[in-house]
N, C-alpha and C. Protein backbone atom coordinates (compact mmCIF):
# COMPACT_ATOMS: atom_id res chain seq x y z
N MET A 1 -13.55 21.75 7.74
CA MET A 1 -14.09 20.00 7.38
C MET A 1 -12.96 19.51 6.50
N MET A 2 -12.95 18.15 7.08
CA MET A 2 -11.77 17.30 6.14
C MET A 2 -12.17 16.88 4.96
N ASP A 3 -11.26 16.93 3.72
CA ASP A 3 -11.33 16.34 2.66
C ASP A 3 -11.44 14.68 2.76
N ILE A 4 -12.48 14.00 2.94
CA ILE A 4 -12.19 12.32 2.86
C ILE A 4 -11.41 11.97 1.60
N ALA A 5 -11.32 12.60 0.61
CA ALA A 5 -10.60 12.03 -0.52
C ALA A 5 -9.33 11.95 -0.22
N THR A 6 -8.76 12.68 0.67
CA THR A 6 -7.35 12.66 0.72
C THR A 6 -6.86 11.64 2.01
N LEU A 7 -7.86 10.72 2.52
CA LEU A 7 -7.89 9.88 3.65
C LEU A 7 -6.99 8.74 2.70
N PRO A 8 -6.14 7.80 3.35
CA PRO A 8 -5.90 6.61 2.72
C PRO A 8 -7.05 5.83 2.73
N ASP A 9 -7.19 4.72 1.83
CA ASP A 9 -8.02 3.82 1.59
C ASP A 9 -8.26 2.83 2.64
N LEU A 10 -7.15 2.50 3.43
CA LEU A 10 -7.13 1.55 4.70
C LEU A 10 -6.79 2.39 5.88
N LEU A 11 -7.33 2.44 6.64
CA LEU A 11 -7.22 3.21 8.23
C LEU A 11 -7.11 2.18 9.32
N SER A 12 -6.33 2.37 10.17
CA SER A 12 -6.18 1.75 11.59
C SER A 12 -6.30 2.98 12.61
N TYR A 13 -6.63 2.59 13.84
CA TYR A 13 -6.78 3.43 14.85
C TYR A 13 -5.33 4.38 15.02
N ASP A 14 -4.40 3.49 14.67
CA ASP A 14 -3.10 4.22 15.13
C ASP A 14 -2.66 5.39 13.93
N ASP A 15 -3.44 5.09 12.68
CA ASP A 15 -3.44 6.37 11.61
C ASP A 15 -4.23 7.67 11.70
N LEU A 16 -5.16 7.26 12.91
CA LEU A 16 -6.07 8.55 12.83
C LEU A 16 -5.38 9.69 13.33
N GLY A 17 -4.36 9.71 14.46
CA GLY A 17 -3.64 11.12 14.63
C GLY A 17 -2.93 11.61 13.52
N PRO A 18 -2.09 11.06 12.53
CA PRO A 18 -1.41 11.23 11.64
C PRO A 18 -2.50 12.17 10.37
N GLN A 19 -3.77 11.76 10.44
CA GLN A 19 -4.59 12.26 9.60
C GLN A 19 -5.38 13.26 9.91
N SER A 20 -5.22 13.53 11.35
CA SER A 20 -5.88 14.85 11.91
C SER A 20 -7.47 14.15 12.00
N LEU A 21 -7.69 13.13 12.55
CA LEU A 21 -9.00 12.56 12.57
C LEU A 21 -9.03 11.97 13.97
N THR A 22 -10.29 12.02 14.47
CA THR A 22 -10.55 11.37 15.99
C THR A 22 -11.43 10.09 15.73
N ARG A 23 -11.60 9.38 16.63
CA ARG A 23 -12.52 8.29 16.56
C ARG A 23 -13.73 8.73 16.51
N TYR A 24 -14.38 9.84 17.06
CA TYR A 24 -15.75 10.29 16.59
C TYR A 24 -15.83 10.42 15.27
N GLY A 25 -14.86 11.38 14.48
CA GLY A 25 -14.68 11.46 13.43
C GLY A 25 -14.99 10.14 12.42
N LEU A 26 -14.14 8.92 12.82
CA LEU A 26 -14.06 7.98 11.86
C LEU A 26 -15.54 7.40 12.26
N ASP A 27 -16.13 7.46 13.47
CA ASP A 27 -17.65 6.72 13.72
C ASP A 27 -18.31 7.47 12.48
N ARG A 28 -18.26 8.84 12.29
CA ARG A 28 -18.88 9.46 11.23
C ARG A 28 -18.79 8.98 9.95
N LEU A 29 -17.56 8.86 9.79
CA LEU A 29 -17.59 8.03 8.25
C LEU A 29 -18.19 6.95 8.20
N ILE A 30 -17.53 5.87 9.27
CA ILE A 30 -18.68 4.70 9.02
C ILE A 30 -19.98 4.61 9.06
N GLU A 31 -20.36 5.65 9.74
CA GLU A 31 -21.93 5.74 9.77
C GLU A 31 -22.62 6.57 8.45
N SER A 32 -21.90 7.07 7.94
CA SER A 32 -22.28 7.78 6.39
C SER A 32 -21.92 6.86 5.18
N GLY A 33 -21.39 5.70 5.44
CA GLY A 33 -20.83 4.67 4.71
C GLY A 33 -19.80 4.78 3.49
N GLU A 34 -18.86 5.64 4.44
CA GLU A 34 -17.42 5.93 3.71
C GLU A 34 -16.52 5.12 3.98
N PHE A 35 -16.48 4.39 5.13
CA PHE A 35 -15.77 3.39 5.62
C PHE A 35 -16.39 2.25 5.94
N GLU A 36 -15.91 1.20 6.17
CA GLU A 36 -16.39 -0.03 6.78
C GLU A 36 -15.36 -0.52 7.53
N ARG A 37 -15.65 -1.31 8.63
CA ARG A 37 -14.76 -2.15 9.35
C ARG A 37 -14.77 -3.42 9.17
N ILE A 38 -13.15 -4.04 8.78
CA ILE A 38 -13.01 -5.26 8.08
C ILE A 38 -12.58 -6.14 8.92
N ALA A 39 -12.06 -5.57 10.08
CA ALA A 39 -11.65 -6.40 11.36
C ALA A 39 -11.29 -5.20 12.51
N PRO A 40 -11.23 -5.80 13.77
CA PRO A 40 -11.14 -4.83 14.96
C PRO A 40 -10.05 -3.95 14.64
N GLY A 41 -10.39 -2.76 14.87
CA GLY A 41 -9.54 -1.45 14.59
C GLY A 41 -8.97 -1.01 13.10
N LEU A 42 -9.43 -2.16 12.15
CA LEU A 42 -9.21 -1.84 10.72
C LEU A 42 -10.45 -1.33 10.04
N PHE A 43 -10.18 -0.47 9.14
CA PHE A 43 -11.20 0.04 8.29
C PHE A 43 -10.88 0.34 6.99
N LEU A 44 -11.67 0.30 5.97
CA LEU A 44 -11.31 0.16 4.43
C LEU A 44 -12.56 1.00 3.80
N ARG A 45 -12.18 1.75 2.78
CA ARG A 45 -12.87 2.80 2.22
C ARG A 45 -14.36 1.90 1.47
N SER A 46 -15.27 2.16 1.67
CA SER A 46 -16.47 1.36 1.28
C SER A 46 -16.53 1.08 -0.23
N GLY A 47 -16.47 -0.02 -0.74
CA GLY A 47 -17.08 -0.16 -2.17
C GLY A 47 -15.54 -0.75 -3.02
N LEU A 48 -14.72 -0.66 -2.06
CA LEU A 48 -13.20 -1.08 -3.09
C LEU A 48 -13.18 -2.30 -3.42
N THR A 49 -13.72 -3.47 -2.90
CA THR A 49 -13.37 -4.87 -2.88
C THR A 49 -14.55 -5.43 -2.35
N ASP A 50 -14.35 -6.69 -2.97
CA ASP A 50 -15.53 -7.64 -2.13
C ASP A 50 -15.10 -8.34 -0.74
N ASP A 51 -15.84 -8.75 0.16
CA ASP A 51 -16.03 -9.22 1.22
C ASP A 51 -14.51 -10.12 1.31
N THR A 52 -14.45 -10.91 0.71
CA THR A 52 -13.34 -11.98 0.56
C THR A 52 -11.91 -11.34 0.45
N THR A 53 -11.72 -10.35 -0.47
CA THR A 53 -10.38 -9.69 -0.29
C THR A 53 -10.34 -8.80 0.58
N ALA A 54 -11.56 -8.06 1.25
CA ALA A 54 -11.49 -7.48 2.19
C ALA A 54 -10.74 -8.05 3.62
N ALA A 55 -11.19 -9.33 3.66
CA ALA A 55 -10.67 -10.02 4.64
C ALA A 55 -9.36 -10.44 4.45
N TRP A 56 -8.82 -10.75 3.32
CA TRP A 56 -7.22 -10.74 2.92
C TRP A 56 -6.60 -9.85 3.27
N ILE A 57 -7.08 -8.48 3.16
CA ILE A 57 -6.36 -7.54 3.51
C ILE A 57 -6.35 -7.19 4.80
N ALA A 58 -7.46 -7.60 5.68
CA ALA A 58 -7.19 -7.41 7.08
C ALA A 58 -6.22 -8.25 7.63
N ILE A 59 -6.11 -9.61 7.07
CA ILE A 59 -4.90 -10.69 7.31
C ILE A 59 -3.77 -10.02 7.19
N ALA A 60 -3.37 -9.49 6.07
CA ALA A 60 -2.03 -9.09 5.47
C ALA A 60 -1.56 -7.96 6.32
N ALA A 61 -2.73 -7.24 6.81
CA ALA A 61 -2.47 -5.73 7.51
C ALA A 61 -1.92 -6.27 9.35
N LYS A 62 -2.76 -7.26 9.54
CA LYS A 62 -2.56 -7.60 11.04
C LYS A 62 -1.37 -8.62 11.22
N LYS A 63 -1.25 -9.61 9.93
CA LYS A 63 -0.01 -10.63 9.92
C LYS A 63 0.70 -10.46 8.74
N PRO A 64 1.53 -9.44 8.49
CA PRO A 64 2.39 -9.72 7.43
C PRO A 64 2.98 -10.49 6.75
N ASP A 65 3.27 -11.74 7.68
CA ASP A 65 3.76 -12.81 7.32
C ASP A 65 3.25 -14.03 6.68
N ALA A 66 1.79 -13.67 6.64
CA ALA A 66 1.02 -14.59 6.31
C ALA A 66 0.98 -14.64 4.85
N THR A 67 0.51 -15.94 4.39
CA THR A 67 0.40 -16.29 3.02
C THR A 67 -0.78 -17.02 2.94
N LEU A 68 -1.51 -16.86 1.28
CA LEU A 68 -2.68 -17.71 0.91
C LEU A 68 -1.88 -19.08 0.41
N CYS A 69 -2.57 -20.03 0.72
CA CYS A 69 -1.93 -21.40 0.34
C CYS A 69 -2.90 -22.22 0.16
N LEU A 70 -2.51 -23.78 -0.52
CA LEU A 70 -3.45 -24.55 -0.93
C LEU A 70 -4.49 -24.23 -1.77
N LEU A 71 -5.72 -24.71 -1.87
CA LEU A 71 -6.92 -24.25 -2.82
C LEU A 71 -6.95 -22.85 -3.14
N THR A 72 -6.78 -22.17 -2.04
CA THR A 72 -7.13 -20.73 -1.98
C THR A 72 -5.92 -20.15 -3.10
N ALA A 73 -4.61 -20.30 -2.94
CA ALA A 73 -3.84 -20.04 -3.77
C ALA A 73 -3.97 -20.49 -5.37
N LEU A 74 -4.19 -21.69 -5.24
CA LEU A 74 -4.60 -22.12 -6.57
C LEU A 74 -5.69 -21.54 -7.49
N SER A 75 -6.55 -21.45 -6.56
CA SER A 75 -7.99 -20.38 -7.24
C SER A 75 -7.36 -18.96 -7.81
N LEU A 76 -6.97 -18.35 -6.98
CA LEU A 76 -6.39 -17.12 -7.12
C LEU A 76 -5.60 -17.11 -8.37
N HIS A 77 -4.76 -18.00 -8.72
CA HIS A 77 -3.72 -18.14 -9.66
C HIS A 77 -4.91 -18.82 -10.83
N GLU A 78 -6.00 -18.78 -10.51
CA GLU A 78 -7.00 -19.61 -11.95
C GLU A 78 -6.15 -21.00 -12.27
N LEU A 79 -5.63 -21.75 -11.53
CA LEU A 79 -4.89 -23.11 -11.60
C LEU A 79 -5.84 -24.09 -11.31
N THR A 80 -7.16 -23.97 -10.81
CA THR A 80 -8.22 -24.96 -10.70
C THR A 80 -9.32 -24.31 -10.75
N ASP A 81 -10.57 -25.04 -11.29
CA ASP A 81 -11.81 -24.74 -11.66
C ASP A 81 -12.61 -24.95 -10.13
N GLU A 82 -12.16 -25.50 -9.07
CA GLU A 82 -12.71 -25.80 -7.96
C GLU A 82 -12.70 -24.56 -7.21
N ILE A 83 -14.17 -24.04 -6.71
CA ILE A 83 -14.31 -22.69 -6.09
C ILE A 83 -14.07 -23.11 -4.51
N PRO A 84 -12.95 -22.46 -4.00
CA PRO A 84 -12.66 -22.90 -2.34
C PRO A 84 -14.07 -22.46 -1.49
N THR A 85 -14.36 -22.99 -0.60
CA THR A 85 -15.47 -22.60 0.38
C THR A 85 -14.77 -21.86 1.64
N ARG A 86 -13.47 -22.00 1.85
CA ARG A 86 -12.76 -21.23 2.84
C ARG A 86 -11.61 -20.58 2.16
N SER A 87 -10.83 -19.66 2.93
CA SER A 87 -9.58 -19.33 2.53
C SER A 87 -8.42 -19.88 3.37
N ASP A 88 -7.21 -20.52 2.87
CA ASP A 88 -6.22 -21.00 3.50
C ASP A 88 -5.36 -20.33 3.85
N ILE A 89 -4.87 -20.01 4.73
CA ILE A 89 -3.59 -19.06 5.32
C ILE A 89 -2.54 -19.61 6.24
N ALA A 90 -1.26 -19.58 5.68
CA ALA A 90 -0.25 -20.12 6.26
C ALA A 90 0.65 -18.90 6.82
N ARG A 91 1.18 -19.31 8.04
CA ARG A 91 2.26 -18.47 8.75
C ARG A 91 3.34 -19.21 9.31
N ALA A 92 4.70 -18.71 8.98
CA ALA A 92 5.63 -19.71 9.88
C ALA A 92 5.43 -19.30 11.58
N LEU A 93 5.41 -20.58 11.69
CA LEU A 93 5.69 -20.51 13.41
C LEU A 93 7.25 -20.88 13.69
N THR A 94 7.76 -20.29 14.98
CA THR A 94 9.16 -20.34 15.43
C THR A 94 8.95 -21.45 16.64
N LEU A 95 9.89 -22.44 16.39
CA LEU A 95 10.37 -23.42 17.38
C LEU A 95 11.06 -23.01 18.13
N ASP A 96 11.37 -23.89 19.33
CA ASP A 96 12.53 -23.40 20.50
C ASP A 96 14.09 -23.04 19.81
N ARG A 97 14.36 -23.77 18.96
CA ARG A 97 15.28 -23.63 18.16
C ARG A 97 15.53 -22.65 17.19
N GLY A 98 14.41 -21.90 16.86
CA GLY A 98 14.53 -21.04 15.75
C GLY A 98 14.14 -21.31 14.71
N HIS A 99 13.84 -22.45 14.49
CA HIS A 99 13.58 -23.18 13.17
C HIS A 99 11.86 -22.78 12.88
N GLY A 100 11.62 -22.53 11.34
CA GLY A 100 10.29 -21.96 11.23
C GLY A 100 9.75 -23.36 10.90
N VAL A 101 8.47 -23.35 10.71
CA VAL A 101 7.68 -24.53 10.38
C VAL A 101 6.38 -23.97 9.90
N GLY A 102 5.85 -24.55 8.63
CA GLY A 102 4.77 -24.10 8.20
C GLY A 102 3.30 -24.34 9.00
N CYS A 103 2.38 -23.54 8.79
CA CYS A 103 1.18 -23.92 9.56
C CYS A 103 0.18 -23.55 8.80
N VAL A 104 -0.89 -24.36 8.62
CA VAL A 104 -2.07 -23.96 7.94
C VAL A 104 -3.36 -23.37 8.83
N MET A 105 -3.94 -22.14 8.31
CA MET A 105 -5.18 -21.92 9.46
C MET A 105 -6.41 -21.96 8.60
N PRO A 106 -7.14 -22.51 8.60
CA PRO A 106 -8.49 -22.31 7.46
C PRO A 106 -9.07 -21.47 8.12
N LEU A 107 -9.65 -20.31 7.34
CA LEU A 107 -10.76 -19.55 7.72
C LEU A 107 -11.88 -19.80 6.97
N VAL A 108 -12.95 -19.63 7.38
CA VAL A 108 -14.06 -19.96 7.12
C VAL A 108 -15.01 -18.59 6.65
């Protein structure tokens, strides 16, 4: 039987093989409450963080070039008293000439 304490806190389907874990085994870990799905194909050890931070972890895992911006960043760094109602995420978009331009994607 596998020692779940040795598993990483964040798992994707690609991590299953190197961890000698099957999808069936992952399903059992989810059913037992050891891990939770935070995005399609991405699983986090239960109880490690709140839902907002789990969403940020999922975004960072799927899009490493993304960054928190605007009110979200100000709030995270305690530079505002306002509580954001959504997370603002920015990613660089590449134009035909190879120049990057900022893009803000509000996440509700």
